[in-house]
Amino acid sequence: MNPMQLLQAMFNPPAMIDQFMRNPKIANNPLAQNVLNMYRNGDVQGLQQMAENISKEKGTTVEQVSNDIKRHFGFM
């Protein structure tokens, strides 16, 4: 996905999900499939719980990961 496609997809979440689904690494990853399905179904609690569990496994917090992502993309 080129940067322009990514920018356009950010403003159109269904298009972004479709684009992700075309990526073989995501299409063949059960965890990624679960995340996308929860997003499609509006399962905010499931997504939050998964984020917390993964953060715990990695020895960090959801807030730290969020801040790292924001810094990476220049939002902080």
PDB file of N, CA and C in Angstrom:
ATOM      1  N   MET A   1       0.866  -1.170   0.000  1.00  0.00           N
ATOM      2  CA  MET A   1       0.000   0.000   0.000  1.00  0.00           C
ATOM      3  C   MET A   1       0.912   1.232   0.000  1.00  0.00           C
ATOM      4  N   ASN A   2       0.673   2.112  -0.952  1.00  0.00           N
ATOM      5  CA  ASN A   2       1.488   3.316  -0.978  1.00  0.00           C
ATOM      6  C   ASN A   2       0.933   4.340   0.015  1.00  0.00           C
ATOM      7  N   PRO A   3       1.713   5.364   0.360  1.00  0.00           N
ATOM      8  CA  PRO A   3       1.273   6.322   1.384  1.00  0.00           C
ATOM      9  C   PRO A   3      -0.054   7.007   1.059  1.00  0.00           C
ATOM     10  N   MET A   4      -0.306   7.298  -0.201  1.00  0.00           N
ATOM     11  CA  MET A   4      -1.563   7.950  -0.571  1.00  0.00           C
ATOM     12  C   MET A   4      -2.753   7.025  -0.321  1.00  0.00           C
ATOM     13  N   GLN A   5      -2.598   5.748  -0.660  1.00  0.00           N
ATOM     14  CA  GLN A   5      -3.661   4.782  -0.397  1.00  0.00           C
ATOM     15  C   GLN A   5      -3.912   4.654   1.101  1.00  0.00           C
ATOM     16  N   LEU A   6      -2.850   4.654   1.888  1.00  0.00           N
ATOM     17  CA  LEU A   6      -2.984   4.552   3.336  1.00  0.00           C
ATOM     18  C   LEU A   6      -3.735   5.758   3.880  1.00  0.00           C
ATOM     19  N   LEU A   7      -3.391   6.947   3.408  1.00  0.00           N
ATOM     20  CA  LEU A   7      -4.066   8.157   3.853  1.00  0.00           C
ATOM     21  C   LEU A   7      -5.549   8.126   3.493  1.00  0.00           C
ATOM     22  N   GLN A   8      -5.870   7.717   2.281  1.00  0.00           N
ATOM     23  CA  GLN A   8      -7.269   7.631   1.866  1.00  0.00           C
ATOM     24  C   GLN A   8      -8.011   6.584   2.691  1.00  0.00           C
ATOM     25  N   ALA A   9      -7.369   5.461   2.958  1.00  0.00           N
ATOM     26  CA  ALA A   9      -8.007   4.389   3.715  1.00  0.00           C
ATOM     27  C   ALA A   9      -8.272   4.795   5.156  1.00  0.00           C
ATOM     28  N   MET A  10      -7.428   5.680   5.711  1.00  0.00           N
ATOM     29  CA  MET A  10      -7.630   6.111   7.097  1.00  0.00           C
ATOM     30  C   MET A  10      -8.968   6.827   7.259  1.00  0.00           C
ATOM     31  N   PHE A  11      -9.451   7.447   6.207  1.00  0.00           N
ATOM     32  CA  PHE A  11     -10.718   8.163   6.272  1.00  0.00           C
ATOM     33  C   PHE A  11     -11.883   7.284   5.822  1.00  0.00           C
ATOM     34  N   ASN A  12     -11.586   6.040   5.481  1.00  0.00           N
ATOM     35  CA  ASN A  12     -12.614   5.100   5.051  1.00  0.00           C
ATOM     36  C   ASN A  12     -12.289   3.736   5.661  1.00  0.00           C
ATOM     37  N   PRO A  13     -12.648   3.518   6.937  1.00  0.00           N
ATOM     38  CA  PRO A  13     -12.267   2.276   7.619  1.00  0.00           C
ATOM     39  C   PRO A  13     -12.643   0.987   6.883  1.00  0.00           C
ATOM     40  N   PRO A  14     -13.850   0.882   6.268  1.00  0.00           N
ATOM     41  CA  PRO A  14     -14.128  -0.365   5.535  1.00  0.00           C
ATOM     42  C   PRO A  14     -13.130  -0.612   4.401  1.00  0.00           C
ATOM     43  N   ALA A  15     -12.711   0.452   3.718  1.00  0.00           N
ATOM     44  CA  ALA A  15     -11.716   0.298   2.647  1.00  0.00           C
ATOM     45  C   ALA A  15     -10.376  -0.129   3.225  1.00  0.00           C
ATOM     46  N   MET A  16     -10.041   0.405   4.397  1.00  0.00           N
ATOM     47  CA  MET A  16      -8.783   0.047   5.047  1.00  0.00           C
ATOM     48  C   MET A  16      -8.793  -1.443   5.407  1.00  0.00           C
ATOM     49  N   ILE A  17      -9.897  -1.932   5.920  1.00  0.00           N
ATOM     50  CA  ILE A  17      -9.999  -3.353   6.272  1.00  0.00           C
ATOM     51  C   ILE A  17      -9.875  -4.208   5.022  1.00  0.00           C
ATOM     52  N   ASP A  18     -10.556  -3.802   3.949  1.00  0.00           N
ATOM     53  CA  ASP A  18     -10.451  -4.551   2.695  1.00  0.00           C
ATOM     54  C   ASP A  18      -9.012  -4.594   2.202  1.00  0.00           C
ATOM     55  N   GLN A  19      -8.313  -3.483   2.318  1.00  0.00           N
ATOM     56  CA  GLN A  19      -6.915  -3.418   1.890  1.00  0.00           C
ATOM     57  C   GLN A  19      -6.055  -4.345   2.751  1.00  0.00           C
ATOM     58  N   PHE A  20      -6.274  -4.341   4.058  1.00  0.00           N
ATOM     59  CA  PHE A  20      -5.535  -5.237   4.943  1.00  0.00           C
ATOM     60  C   PHE A  20      -5.788  -6.694   4.585  1.00  0.00           C
ATOM     61  N   MET A  21      -7.027  -7.013   4.260  1.00  0.00           N
ATOM     62  CA  MET A  21      -7.393  -8.397   3.966  1.00  0.00           C
ATOM     63  C   MET A  21      -6.687  -8.918   2.718  1.00  0.00           C
ATOM     64  N   ARG A  22      -6.256  -8.029   1.849  1.00  0.00           N
ATOM     65  CA  ARG A  22      -5.545  -8.442   0.632  1.00  0.00           C
ATOM     66  C   ARG A  22      -4.080  -8.777   0.912  1.00  0.00           C
ATOM     67  N   ASN A  23      -3.606  -8.384   2.088  1.00  0.00           N
ATOM     68  CA  ASN A  23      -2.231  -8.678   2.466  1.00  0.00           C
ATOM     69  C   ASN A  23      -2.167 -10.120   2.962  1.00  0.00           C
ATOM     70  N   PRO A  24      -1.393 -10.989   2.282  1.00  0.00           N
ATOM     71  CA  PRO A  24      -1.346 -12.407   2.684  1.00  0.00           C
ATOM     72  C   PRO A  24      -0.925 -12.630   4.129  1.00  0.00           C
ATOM     73  N   LYS A  25      -0.041 -11.766   4.655  1.00  0.00           N
ATOM     74  CA  LYS A  25       0.392 -11.933   6.038  1.00  0.00           C
ATOM     75  C   LYS A  25      -0.778 -11.749   6.997  1.00  0.00           C
ATOM     76  N   ILE A  26      -1.680 -10.867   6.666  1.00  0.00           N
ATOM     77  CA  ILE A  26      -2.853 -10.637   7.510  1.00  0.00           C
ATOM     78  C   ILE A  26      -3.919 -11.679   7.228  1.00  0.00           C
ATOM     79  N   ALA A  27      -4.138 -11.957   5.957  1.00  0.00           N
ATOM     80  CA  ALA A  27      -5.178 -12.910   5.562  1.00  0.00           C
ATOM     81  C   ALA A  27      -4.922 -14.299   6.149  1.00  0.00           C
ATOM     82  N   ASN A  28      -3.662 -14.641   6.360  1.00  0.00           N
ATOM     83  CA  ASN A  28      -3.311 -15.966   6.882  1.00  0.00           C
ATOM     84  C   ASN A  28      -2.991 -15.965   8.370  1.00  0.00           C
ATOM     85  N   ASN A  29      -3.276 -14.872   9.058  1.00  0.00           N
ATOM     86  CA  ASN A  29      -2.961 -14.750  10.480  1.00  0.00           C
ATOM     87  C   ASN A  29      -4.262 -14.791  11.287  1.00  0.00           C
ATOM     88  N   PRO A  30      -4.486 -15.859  12.054  1.00  0.00           N
ATOM     89  CA  PRO A  30      -5.736 -15.972  12.812  1.00  0.00           C
ATOM     90  C   PRO A  30      -5.956 -14.828  13.805  1.00  0.00           C
ATOM     91  N   LEU A  31      -4.896 -14.342  14.437  1.00  0.00           N
ATOM     92  CA  LEU A  31      -5.037 -13.240  15.388  1.00  0.00           C
ATOM     93  C   LEU A  31      -5.495 -11.979  14.661  1.00  0.00           C
ATOM     94  N   ALA A  32      -4.883 -11.690  13.523  1.00  0.00           N
ATOM     95  CA  ALA A  32      -5.283 -10.516  12.738  1.00  0.00           C
ATOM     96  C   ALA A  32      -6.725 -10.661  12.265  1.00  0.00           C
ATOM     97  N   GLN A  33      -7.104 -11.848  11.858  1.00  0.00           N
ATOM     98  CA  GLN A  33      -8.481 -12.093  11.427  1.00  0.00           C
ATOM     99  C   GLN A  33      -9.455 -11.833  12.567  1.00  0.00           C
ATOM    100  N   ASN A  34      -9.089 -12.268  13.763  1.00  0.00           N
ATOM    101  CA  ASN A  34      -9.934 -12.058  14.936  1.00  0.00           C
ATOM    102  C   ASN A  34     -10.099 -10.567  15.221  1.00  0.00           C
ATOM    103  N   VAL A  35      -9.000  -9.807  15.139  1.00  0.00           N
ATOM    104  CA  VAL A  35      -9.047  -8.361  15.371  1.00  0.00           C
ATOM    105  C   VAL A  35      -9.967  -7.696  14.350  1.00  0.00           C
ATOM    106  N   LEU A  36      -9.791  -8.033  13.087  1.00  0.00           N
ATOM    107  CA  LEU A  36     -10.619  -7.422  12.039  1.00  0.00           C
ATOM    108  C   LEU A  36     -12.094  -7.772  12.211  1.00  0.00           C
ATOM    109  N   ASN A  37     -12.369  -9.002  12.591  1.00  0.00           N
ATOM    110  CA  ASN A  37     -13.766  -9.397  12.819  1.00  0.00           C
ATOM    111  C   ASN A  37     -14.378  -8.653  14.005  1.00  0.00           C
ATOM    112  N   MET A  38     -13.605  -8.490  15.075  1.00  0.00           N
ATOM    113  CA  MET A  38     -14.113  -7.730  16.222  1.00  0.00           C
ATOM    114  C   MET A  38     -14.380  -6.285  15.817  1.00  0.00           C
ATOM    115  N   TYR A  39     -13.489  -5.710  15.017  1.00  0.00           N
ATOM    116  CA  TYR A  39     -13.678  -4.336  14.558  1.00  0.00           C
ATOM    117  C   TYR A  39     -14.942  -4.231  13.710  1.00  0.00           C
ATOM    118  N   ARG A  40     -15.095  -5.151  12.771  1.00  0.00           N
ATOM    119  CA  ARG A  40     -16.284  -5.145  11.904  1.00  0.00           C
ATOM    120  C   ARG A  40     -17.577  -5.254  12.708  1.00  0.00           C
ATOM    121  N   ASN A  41     -17.534  -6.038  13.777  1.00  0.00           N
ATOM    122  CA  ASN A  41     -18.727  -6.270  14.594  1.00  0.00           C
ATOM    123  C   ASN A  41     -18.910  -5.235  15.697  1.00  0.00           C
ATOM    124  N   GLY A  42     -17.999  -4.289  15.780  1.00  0.00           N
ATOM    125  CA  GLY A  42     -18.110  -3.239  16.794  1.00  0.00           C
ATOM    126  C   GLY A  42     -17.828  -3.727  18.205  1.00  0.00           C
ATOM    127  N   ASP A  43     -17.033  -4.783  18.328  1.00  0.00           N
ATOM    128  CA  ASP A  43     -16.721  -5.361  19.641  1.00  0.00           C
ATOM    129  C   ASP A  43     -15.570  -4.597  20.301  1.00  0.00           C
ATOM    130  N   VAL A  44     -15.890  -3.407  20.803  1.00  0.00           N
ATOM    131  CA  VAL A  44     -14.882  -2.540  21.408  1.00  0.00           C
ATOM    132  C   VAL A  44     -14.282  -3.191  22.655  1.00  0.00           C
ATOM    133  N   GLN A  45     -15.122  -3.832  23.458  1.00  0.00           N
ATOM    134  CA  GLN A  45     -14.618  -4.480  24.678  1.00  0.00           C
ATOM    135  C   GLN A  45     -13.654  -5.613  24.342  1.00  0.00           C
ATOM    136  N   GLY A  46     -13.972  -6.379  23.310  1.00  0.00           N
ATOM    137  CA  GLY A  46     -13.084  -7.465  22.888  1.00  0.00           C
ATOM    138  C   GLY A  46     -11.743  -6.939  22.416  1.00  0.00           C
ATOM    139  N   LEU A  47     -11.774  -5.848  21.648  1.00  0.00           N
ATOM    140  CA  LEU A  47     -10.536  -5.243  21.164  1.00  0.00           C
ATOM    141  C   LEU A  47      -9.701  -4.691  22.321  1.00  0.00           C
ATOM    142  N   GLN A  48     -10.373  -4.052  23.275  1.00  0.00           N
ATOM    143  CA  GLN A  48      -9.672  -3.508  24.442  1.00  0.00           C
ATOM    144  C   GLN A  48      -9.036  -4.630  25.256  1.00  0.00           C
ATOM    145  N   GLN A  49      -9.787  -5.702  25.466  1.00  0.00           N
ATOM    146  CA  GLN A  49      -9.264  -6.831  26.240  1.00  0.00           C
ATOM    147  C   GLN A  49      -8.070  -7.463  25.535  1.00  0.00           C
ATOM    148  N   MET A  50      -8.162  -7.613  24.217  1.00  0.00           N
ATOM    149  CA  MET A  50      -7.047  -8.192  23.461  1.00  0.00           C
ATOM    150  C   MET A  50      -5.822  -7.291  23.563  1.00  0.00           C
ATOM    151  N   ALA A  51      -6.010  -5.984  23.427  1.00  0.00           N
ATOM    152  CA  ALA A  51      -4.892  -5.036  23.531  1.00  0.00           C
ATOM    153  C   ALA A  51      -4.240  -5.126  24.905  1.00  0.00           C
ATOM    154  N   GLU A  52      -5.055  -5.223  25.944  1.00  0.00           N
ATOM    155  CA  GLU A  52      -4.512  -5.331  27.306  1.00  0.00           C
ATOM    156  C   GLU A  52      -3.739  -6.632  27.483  1.00  0.00           C
ATOM    157  N   ASN A  53      -4.274  -7.736  26.968  1.00  0.00           N
ATOM    158  CA  ASN A  53      -3.604  -9.034  27.097  1.00  0.00           C
ATOM    159  C   ASN A  53      -2.264  -9.051  26.368  1.00  0.00           C
ATOM    160  N   ILE A  54      -2.252  -8.533  25.142  1.00  0.00           N
ATOM    161  CA  ILE A  54      -1.012  -8.510  24.369  1.00  0.00           C
ATOM    162  C   ILE A  54       0.008  -7.604  25.043  1.00  0.00           C
ATOM    163  N   SER A  55      -0.450  -6.458  25.554  1.00  0.00           N
ATOM    164  CA  SER A  55       0.457  -5.542  26.246  1.00  0.00           C
ATOM    165  C   SER A  55       1.073  -6.210  27.467  1.00  0.00           C
ATOM    166  N   LYS A  56       0.249  -6.929  28.237  1.00  0.00           N
ATOM    167  CA  LYS A  56       0.755  -7.635  29.422  1.00  0.00           C
ATOM    168  C   LYS A  56       1.815  -8.649  29.031  1.00  0.00           C
ATOM    169  N   GLU A  57       1.537  -9.404  27.961  1.00  0.00           N
ATOM    170  CA  GLU A  57       2.496 -10.408  27.493  1.00  0.00           C
ATOM    171  C   GLU A  57       3.821  -9.774  27.107  1.00  0.00           C
ATOM    172  N   LYS A  58       3.761  -8.569  26.552  1.00  0.00           N
ATOM    173  CA  LYS A  58       4.965  -7.881  26.087  1.00  0.00           C
ATOM    174  C   LYS A  58       5.620  -7.043  27.176  1.00  0.00           C
ATOM    175  N   GLY A  59       5.009  -6.988  28.358  1.00  0.00           N
ATOM    176  CA  GLY A  59       5.587  -6.232  29.462  1.00  0.00           C
ATOM    177  C   GLY A  59       5.442  -4.734  29.304  1.00  0.00           C
ATOM    178  N   THR A  60       4.359  -4.295  28.700  1.00  0.00           N
ATOM    179  CA  THR A  60       4.112  -2.870  28.504  1.00  0.00           C
ATOM    180  C   THR A  60       2.639  -2.586  28.809  1.00  0.00           C
ATOM    181  N   THR A  61       2.189  -1.395  28.491  1.00  0.00           N
ATOM    182  CA  THR A  61       0.781  -1.061  28.685  1.00  0.00           C
ATOM    183  C   THR A  61       0.199  -0.598  27.358  1.00  0.00           C
ATOM    184  N   VAL A  62      -1.116  -0.599  27.276  1.00  0.00           N
ATOM    185  CA  VAL A  62      -1.798  -0.127  26.076  1.00  0.00           C
ATOM    186  C   VAL A  62      -1.434   1.330  25.821  1.00  0.00           C
ATOM    187  N   GLU A  63      -1.351   2.113  26.872  1.00  0.00           N
ATOM    188  CA  GLU A  63      -1.018   3.527  26.735  1.00  0.00           C
ATOM    189  C   GLU A  63       0.391   3.717  26.164  1.00  0.00           C
ATOM    190  N   GLN A  64       1.349   2.909  26.631  1.00  0.00           N
ATOM    191  CA  GLN A  64       2.713   3.015  26.114  1.00  0.00           C
ATOM    192  C   GLN A  64       2.760   2.663  24.631  1.00  0.00           C
ATOM    193  N   VAL A  65       2.047   1.620  24.249  1.00  0.00           N
ATOM    194  CA  VAL A  65       2.016   1.214  22.840  1.00  0.00           C
ATOM    195  C   VAL A  65       1.364   2.308  22.005  1.00  0.00           C
ATOM    196  N   SER A  66       0.264   2.856  22.500  1.00  0.00           N
ATOM    197  CA  SER A  66      -0.429   3.931  21.798  1.00  0.00           C
ATOM    198  C   SER A  66       0.492   5.134  21.602  1.00  0.00           C
ATOM    199  N   ASN A  67       1.204   5.507  22.647  1.00  0.00           N
ATOM    200  CA  ASN A  67       2.129   6.632  22.560  1.00  0.00           C
ATOM    201  C   ASN A  67       3.271   6.349  21.586  1.00  0.00           C
ATOM    202  N   ASP A  68       3.772   5.114  21.583  1.00  0.00           N
ATOM    203  CA  ASP A  68       4.828   4.742  20.638  1.00  0.00           C
ATOM    204  C   ASP A  68       4.345   4.873  19.202  1.00  0.00           C
ATOM    205  N   ILE A  69       3.129   4.436  18.943  1.00  0.00           N
ATOM    206  CA  ILE A  69       2.554   4.528  17.590  1.00  0.00           C
ATOM    207  C   ILE A  69       2.376   5.992  17.198  1.00  0.00           C
ATOM    208  N   LYS A  70       1.862   6.789  18.122  1.00  0.00           N
ATOM    209  CA  LYS A  70       1.672   8.219  17.834  1.00  0.00           C
ATOM    210  C   LYS A  70       3.000   8.895  17.529  1.00  0.00           C
ATOM    211  N   ARG A  71       4.026   8.562  18.313  1.00  0.00           N
ATOM    212  CA  ARG A  71       5.354   9.148  18.069  1.00  0.00           C
ATOM    213  C   ARG A  71       5.891   8.706  16.710  1.00  0.00           C
ATOM    214  N   HIS A  72       5.700   7.439  16.390  1.00  0.00           N
ATOM    215  CA  HIS A  72       6.198   6.894  15.129  1.00  0.00           C
ATOM    216  C   HIS A  72       5.590   7.637  13.936  1.00  0.00           C
ATOM    217  N   PHE A  73       4.317   7.980  14.030  1.00  0.00           N
ATOM    218  CA  PHE A  73       3.630   8.646  12.923  1.00  0.00           C
ATOM    219  C   PHE A  73       3.615  10.168  13.065  1.00  0.00           C
ATOM    220  N   GLY A  74       4.332  10.702  14.058  1.00  0.00           N
ATOM    221  CA  GLY A  74       4.486  12.138  14.202  1.00  0.00           C
ATOM    222  C   GLY A  74       3.292  12.846  14.809  1.00  0.00           C
ATOM    223  N   PHE A  75       2.487  12.140  15.584  1.00  0.00           N
ATOM    224  CA  PHE A  75       1.333  12.768  16.243  1.00  0.00           C
ATOM    225  C   PHE A  75       1.674  13.259  17.642  1.00  0.00           C
ATOM    226  N   MET A  76       2.911  13.065  18.074  1.00  0.00           N
ATOM    227  CA  MET A  76       3.340  13.517  19.408  1.00  0.00           C
ATOM    228  C   MET A  76       4.652  14.233  19.280  1.00  0.00           C
TER     229      MET A  76
END
